[in-house]
Amino acid sequence: MIRALIIDDEPIARQIVSTYCSYFKNIEVAGECENAIQAMEYLQKEKIDLLFLDINMPVLTGIDFLRTLTNKPAVIITTAYQQYALDGYDLSITDYLLKPFSLERFVKAVNKVIEVPQTVVTTSTADKEINNTLFIKADSKIYRFEKNDILYCEAQGNYTKIVTTGEVVEAYISLSKIEEQLIGSQFVRCHRSFIVNINFVTTLENHRLNLGKYEIPIGSNHREKLFTSIGWKSY
């Protein structure tokens, strides 16, 4: 059993990591800390094998905290700041996750810490759940989406509207970030502002498509890829 400690000053960020850890039968979330000072005190009392560590925290940054440790456990950085990646790898971290990160990306990071045959993600049911699940933060909550239920995603400035078979959610995340998490599935970018689930396409024309009652434009730069994805040539 790998004992993990989550260190992040944002409660929602800690909750996401804890939820992701629950997919592994051999990872125990031993504790959570809001800052590096609490983490120092915790490590003096408890044996920890893996740290999930934020960087931008009050009092002491995650990088400065790592420099204080003599016998470091495995460390996976979880941060919204890319510029600290080099510092992290200089301190021999295992992986560097940029928020918001997908469950799939999280699994890849954890599998660097534990041997792949030992991970809980071995049964076909668990594999399917990981591949088909998307966690997105919106309205100070974490929404879990089943990819098969998503009709389309639409860029709206700094937000993305996610339309599913049962709800519409506006999340503070770019369409490109969501696209990264949908790569390799049934989703296709049909316009600079739209990603669609081709399984829900009911009619398709040269400049537009329909997902039931929803009419979506097709951009000229994305038309060929869209039609190829369904086995047709554009006309």
Protein backbone atom coordinates (compact mmCIF):
# COMPACT_ATOMS: atom_id res chain seq x y z
CA MET A 1 0.00 0.00 0.00
CA ILE A 2 1.34 3.41 -1.03
CA ARG A 3 0.58 6.16 1.49
CA ALA A 4 0.00 9.52 -0.18
CA LEU A 5 -0.12 13.06 1.19
CA ILE A 6 -1.95 15.81 -0.71
CA ILE A 7 -0.55 19.33 -0.21
CA ASP A 8 -2.59 22.16 -1.75
CA ASP A 9 -4.16 25.33 -0.39
CA GLU A 10 -7.28 24.90 -2.56
CA PRO A 11 -9.91 22.52 -1.12
CA ILE A 12 -11.31 21.73 -4.58
CA ALA A 13 -7.86 20.82 -5.89
CA ARG A 14 -7.33 18.47 -2.94
CA GLN A 15 -10.72 16.90 -3.57
CA ILE A 16 -9.90 16.23 -7.23
CA VAL A 17 -6.63 14.48 -6.37
CA SER A 18 -8.30 12.48 -3.60
CA THR A 19 -11.07 11.40 -5.98
CA TYR A 20 -8.54 10.35 -8.60
CA CYS A 21 -6.60 8.37 -6.00
CA SER A 22 -9.74 6.40 -5.15
CA TYR A 23 -9.38 4.61 -8.50
CA PHE A 24 -6.28 2.84 -7.19
CA LYS A 25 -6.72 0.03 -4.69
CA ASN A 26 -3.08 0.29 -3.56
CA ILE A 27 -3.00 4.05 -2.88
CA GLU A 28 -4.17 5.32 0.49
CA VAL A 29 -4.64 9.06 0.97
CA ALA A 30 -3.11 9.24 4.43
CA GLY A 31 -3.68 12.97 4.85
CA GLU A 32 -4.22 16.42 3.36
CA CYS A 33 -2.39 19.66 4.16
CA GLU A 34 -3.20 23.25 3.24
CA ASN A 35 0.41 24.43 3.20
CA ALA A 36 4.02 23.30 3.40
CA ILE A 37 4.36 24.02 7.14
CA GLN A 38 1.54 21.59 7.92
CA ALA A 39 3.17 19.07 5.59
CA MET A 40 6.51 19.35 7.41
CA GLU A 41 4.81 18.58 10.70
CA TYR A 42 2.91 15.69 9.16
CA LEU A 43 6.04 14.12 7.66
CA GLN A 44 7.75 14.22 11.04
CA LYS A 45 5.04 11.97 12.45
CA GLU A 46 3.97 9.78 9.54
CA LYS A 47 5.66 7.71 6.85
CA ILE A 48 4.60 8.90 3.40
CA ASP A 49 5.51 7.28 0.08
CA LEU A 50 4.06 9.80 -2.36
CA LEU A 51 3.44 13.56 -2.30
CA PHE A 52 0.93 15.37 -4.50
CA LEU A 53 2.32 18.87 -4.20
CA ASP A 54 1.05 22.26 -5.31
CA ILE A 55 3.64 25.00 -5.93
CA ASN A 56 1.92 28.34 -5.40
CA MET A 57 1.07 28.21 -1.68
CA PRO A 58 1.26 30.78 1.13
CA VAL A 59 4.26 31.01 3.50
CA LEU A 60 6.43 28.50 1.62
CA THR A 61 6.21 27.46 -2.03
CA GLY A 62 6.16 23.84 -3.05
CA ILE A 63 9.61 24.14 -4.64
CA ASP A 64 11.12 25.69 -1.49
CA PHE A 65 9.43 22.98 0.57
CA LEU A 66 11.05 20.25 -1.55
CA ARG A 67 14.46 21.83 -0.98
CA THR A 68 14.01 21.39 2.79
CA LEU A 69 13.50 17.63 2.54
CA THR A 70 16.44 15.29 2.92
CA ASN A 71 14.71 11.97 2.32
CA LYS A 72 12.02 12.84 -0.18
CA PRO A 73 9.20 10.44 -1.04
CA ALA A 74 8.08 10.26 -4.66
CA VAL A 75 6.69 13.64 -5.73
CA ILE A 76 4.05 14.52 -8.32
CA ILE A 77 3.69 18.26 -8.79
CA THR A 78 0.13 19.54 -9.36
CA THR A 79 0.11 23.18 -10.40
CA ALA A 80 -1.29 25.75 -12.79
CA TYR A 81 2.17 27.24 -13.37
CA GLN A 82 4.30 25.75 -16.12
CA GLN A 83 7.36 27.91 -15.49
CA TYR A 84 8.47 25.90 -12.46
CA ALA A 85 8.82 22.62 -14.36
CA LEU A 86 12.61 22.85 -14.70
CA ASP A 87 13.04 23.55 -10.97
CA GLY A 88 10.86 20.57 -10.20
CA TYR A 89 12.79 18.16 -12.36
CA ASP A 90 16.06 19.44 -10.90
CA LEU A 91 14.68 18.22 -7.57
CA SER A 92 14.01 14.76 -9.04
CA ILE A 93 10.23 14.86 -9.07
CA THR A 94 8.35 11.99 -10.69
CA ASP A 95 5.96 14.04 -12.83
CA TYR A 96 4.61 17.54 -13.35
CA LEU A 97 0.84 17.88 -13.85
CA LEU A 98 -0.58 21.15 -15.14
CA LYS A 99 -4.04 22.02 -13.81
CA PRO A 100 -6.62 21.22 -14.94
CA PHE A 101 -5.35 17.71 -15.67
CA SER A 102 -7.42 14.77 -16.80
CA LEU A 103 -7.85 11.45 -15.03
CA GLU A 104 -5.97 9.77 -17.86
CA ARG A 105 -2.98 12.07 -17.36
CA PHE A 106 -3.13 11.49 -13.61
CA VAL A 107 -3.02 7.72 -14.10
CA LYS A 108 0.08 8.03 -16.29
CA ALA A 109 1.82 10.03 -13.56
CA VAL A 110 0.92 7.58 -10.81
CA ASN A 111 2.01 4.63 -12.93
CA LYS A 112 5.51 6.12 -12.87
CA VAL A 113 5.50 5.69 -9.10
CA ILE A 114 4.03 2.23 -8.86
CA GLU A 115 4.61 -0.74 -11.10
CA VAL A 116 1.99 -0.87 -13.84
CA PRO A 117 0.91 -4.48 -13.07
CA GLN A 118 0.05 -3.39 -9.52
CA THR A 119 -2.28 -0.52 -10.41
CA VAL A 120 -5.97 -0.85 -9.83
CA VAL A 121 -6.59 0.13 -13.43
CA THR A 122 -6.32 -3.42 -14.68
CA THR A 123 -9.88 -4.68 -15.03
CA SER A 124 -11.83 -3.92 -18.17
CA THR A 125 -14.46 -2.10 -16.11
CA ALA A 126 -11.93 0.26 -14.53
CA ASP A 127 -10.20 0.86 -17.86
CA LYS A 128 -13.49 1.77 -19.47
CA GLU A 129 -14.45 4.09 -16.62
CA ILE A 130 -11.16 6.00 -16.81
CA ASN A 131 -11.29 6.34 -20.57
CA ASN A 132 -14.89 7.53 -20.55
CA THR A 133 -14.80 9.98 -17.64
CA LEU A 134 -14.07 13.69 -17.64
CA PHE A 135 -13.77 15.83 -14.48
CA ILE A 136 -14.24 19.59 -14.96
CA LYS A 137 -14.39 22.39 -12.37
CA ALA A 138 -17.30 24.82 -12.80
CA ASP A 139 -19.22 27.07 -10.40
CA SER A 140 -16.91 26.10 -7.50
CA LYS A 141 -17.90 22.47 -8.01
CA ILE A 142 -16.36 19.49 -9.75
CA TYR A 143 -18.56 17.99 -12.44
CA ARG A 144 -18.10 14.44 -13.58
CA PHE A 145 -19.05 13.90 -17.20
CA GLU A 146 -19.41 10.61 -18.99
CA LYS A 147 -17.88 11.27 -22.40
CA ASN A 148 -20.54 9.21 -24.13
CA ASP A 149 -23.18 11.66 -22.81
CA ILE A 150 -21.50 14.82 -24.15
CA LEU A 151 -23.11 16.17 -27.34
CA TYR A 152 -20.79 19.10 -27.97
CA CYS A 153 -18.50 21.68 -26.42
CA GLU A 154 -18.57 25.34 -27.45
CA ALA A 155 -15.93 28.01 -26.76
CA GLN A 156 -17.38 31.17 -25.24
CA GLY A 157 -14.52 33.55 -24.49
CA ASN A 158 -12.58 32.23 -21.51
CA TYR A 159 -15.33 29.69 -20.83
CA THR A 160 -16.50 26.53 -22.54
CA LYS A 161 -20.12 25.45 -22.66
CA ILE A 162 -20.47 21.68 -22.26
CA VAL A 163 -23.80 20.32 -23.52
CA THR A 164 -24.74 16.79 -22.51
CA THR A 165 -27.85 14.67 -22.86
CA GLY A 166 -29.01 15.90 -19.46
CA GLU A 167 -27.46 19.29 -18.64
CA VAL A 168 -25.57 22.35 -19.83
CA VAL A 169 -22.51 23.50 -17.86
CA GLU A 170 -20.29 26.53 -18.41
CA ALA A 171 -16.76 25.90 -17.17
CA TYR A 172 -13.80 28.25 -16.85
CA ILE A 173 -11.54 26.22 -19.12
CA SER A 174 -10.45 26.68 -22.71
CA LEU A 175 -11.85 24.54 -25.50
CA SER A 176 -8.28 23.47 -26.36
CA LYS A 177 -7.79 22.10 -22.84
CA ILE A 178 -10.95 20.05 -23.12
CA GLU A 179 -9.93 18.87 -26.59
CA GLU A 180 -6.70 17.47 -25.11
CA GLN A 181 -8.78 15.30 -22.80
CA LEU A 182 -11.03 14.09 -25.62
CA ILE A 183 -8.26 13.07 -28.03
CA GLY A 184 -8.59 9.54 -29.39
CA SER A 185 -12.32 9.26 -28.80
CA GLN A 186 -15.45 10.00 -30.79
CA PHE A 187 -15.00 13.77 -30.64
CA VAL A 188 -13.98 15.95 -33.59
CA ARG A 189 -13.21 19.65 -33.85
CA CYS A 190 -15.64 20.82 -36.53
CA HIS A 191 -15.11 24.56 -36.04
CA ARG A 192 -12.68 26.75 -34.14
CA SER A 193 -15.37 27.16 -31.48
CA PHE A 194 -16.97 23.70 -31.49
CA ILE A 195 -16.09 20.09 -30.70
CA VAL A 196 -18.83 17.57 -31.45
CA ASN A 197 -19.55 13.97 -30.55
CA ILE A 198 -19.97 12.35 -33.96
CA ASN A 199 -22.10 9.58 -32.41
CA PHE A 200 -24.89 12.15 -31.99
CA VAL A 201 -24.76 13.61 -35.52
CA THR A 202 -28.19 13.31 -37.14
CA THR A 203 -27.65 15.29 -40.36
CA LEU A 204 -24.53 16.59 -42.03
CA GLU A 205 -24.12 19.23 -44.72
CA ASN A 206 -21.11 21.02 -46.15
CA HIS A 207 -21.29 23.99 -43.78
CA ARG A 208 -23.34 22.74 -40.86
CA LEU A 209 -24.42 19.65 -38.96
CA ASN A 210 -27.20 18.79 -36.55
CA LEU A 211 -27.07 16.98 -33.25
CA GLY A 212 -30.80 16.48 -32.90
CA LYS A 213 -32.20 19.97 -32.21
CA TYR A 214 -28.75 21.59 -32.07
CA GLU A 215 -27.35 23.14 -35.26
CA ILE A 216 -23.55 23.45 -35.32
CA PRO A 217 -21.45 25.31 -37.93
CA ILE A 218 -18.66 23.55 -39.80
CA GLY A 219 -15.51 25.61 -40.32
CA SER A 220 -13.74 25.37 -43.66
CA ASN A 221 -10.44 24.47 -41.96
CA HIS A 222 -12.05 21.55 -40.14
CA ARG A 223 -14.44 20.22 -42.79
CA GLU A 224 -12.11 17.64 -44.33
CA LYS A 225 -11.15 16.12 -40.96
CA LEU A 226 -14.79 15.95 -39.88
CA PHE A 227 -15.97 14.19 -43.01
CA THR A 228 -12.98 11.84 -42.96
CA SER A 229 -13.80 10.87 -39.38
CA ILE A 230 -17.17 9.51 -40.49
CA GLY A 231 -15.79 7.90 -43.65
CA TRP A 232 -17.02 10.50 -46.15
CA LYS A 233 -15.45 13.07 -48.40
CA SER A 234 -16.73 16.62 -48.11
CA TYR A 235 -18.73 17.96 -51.02
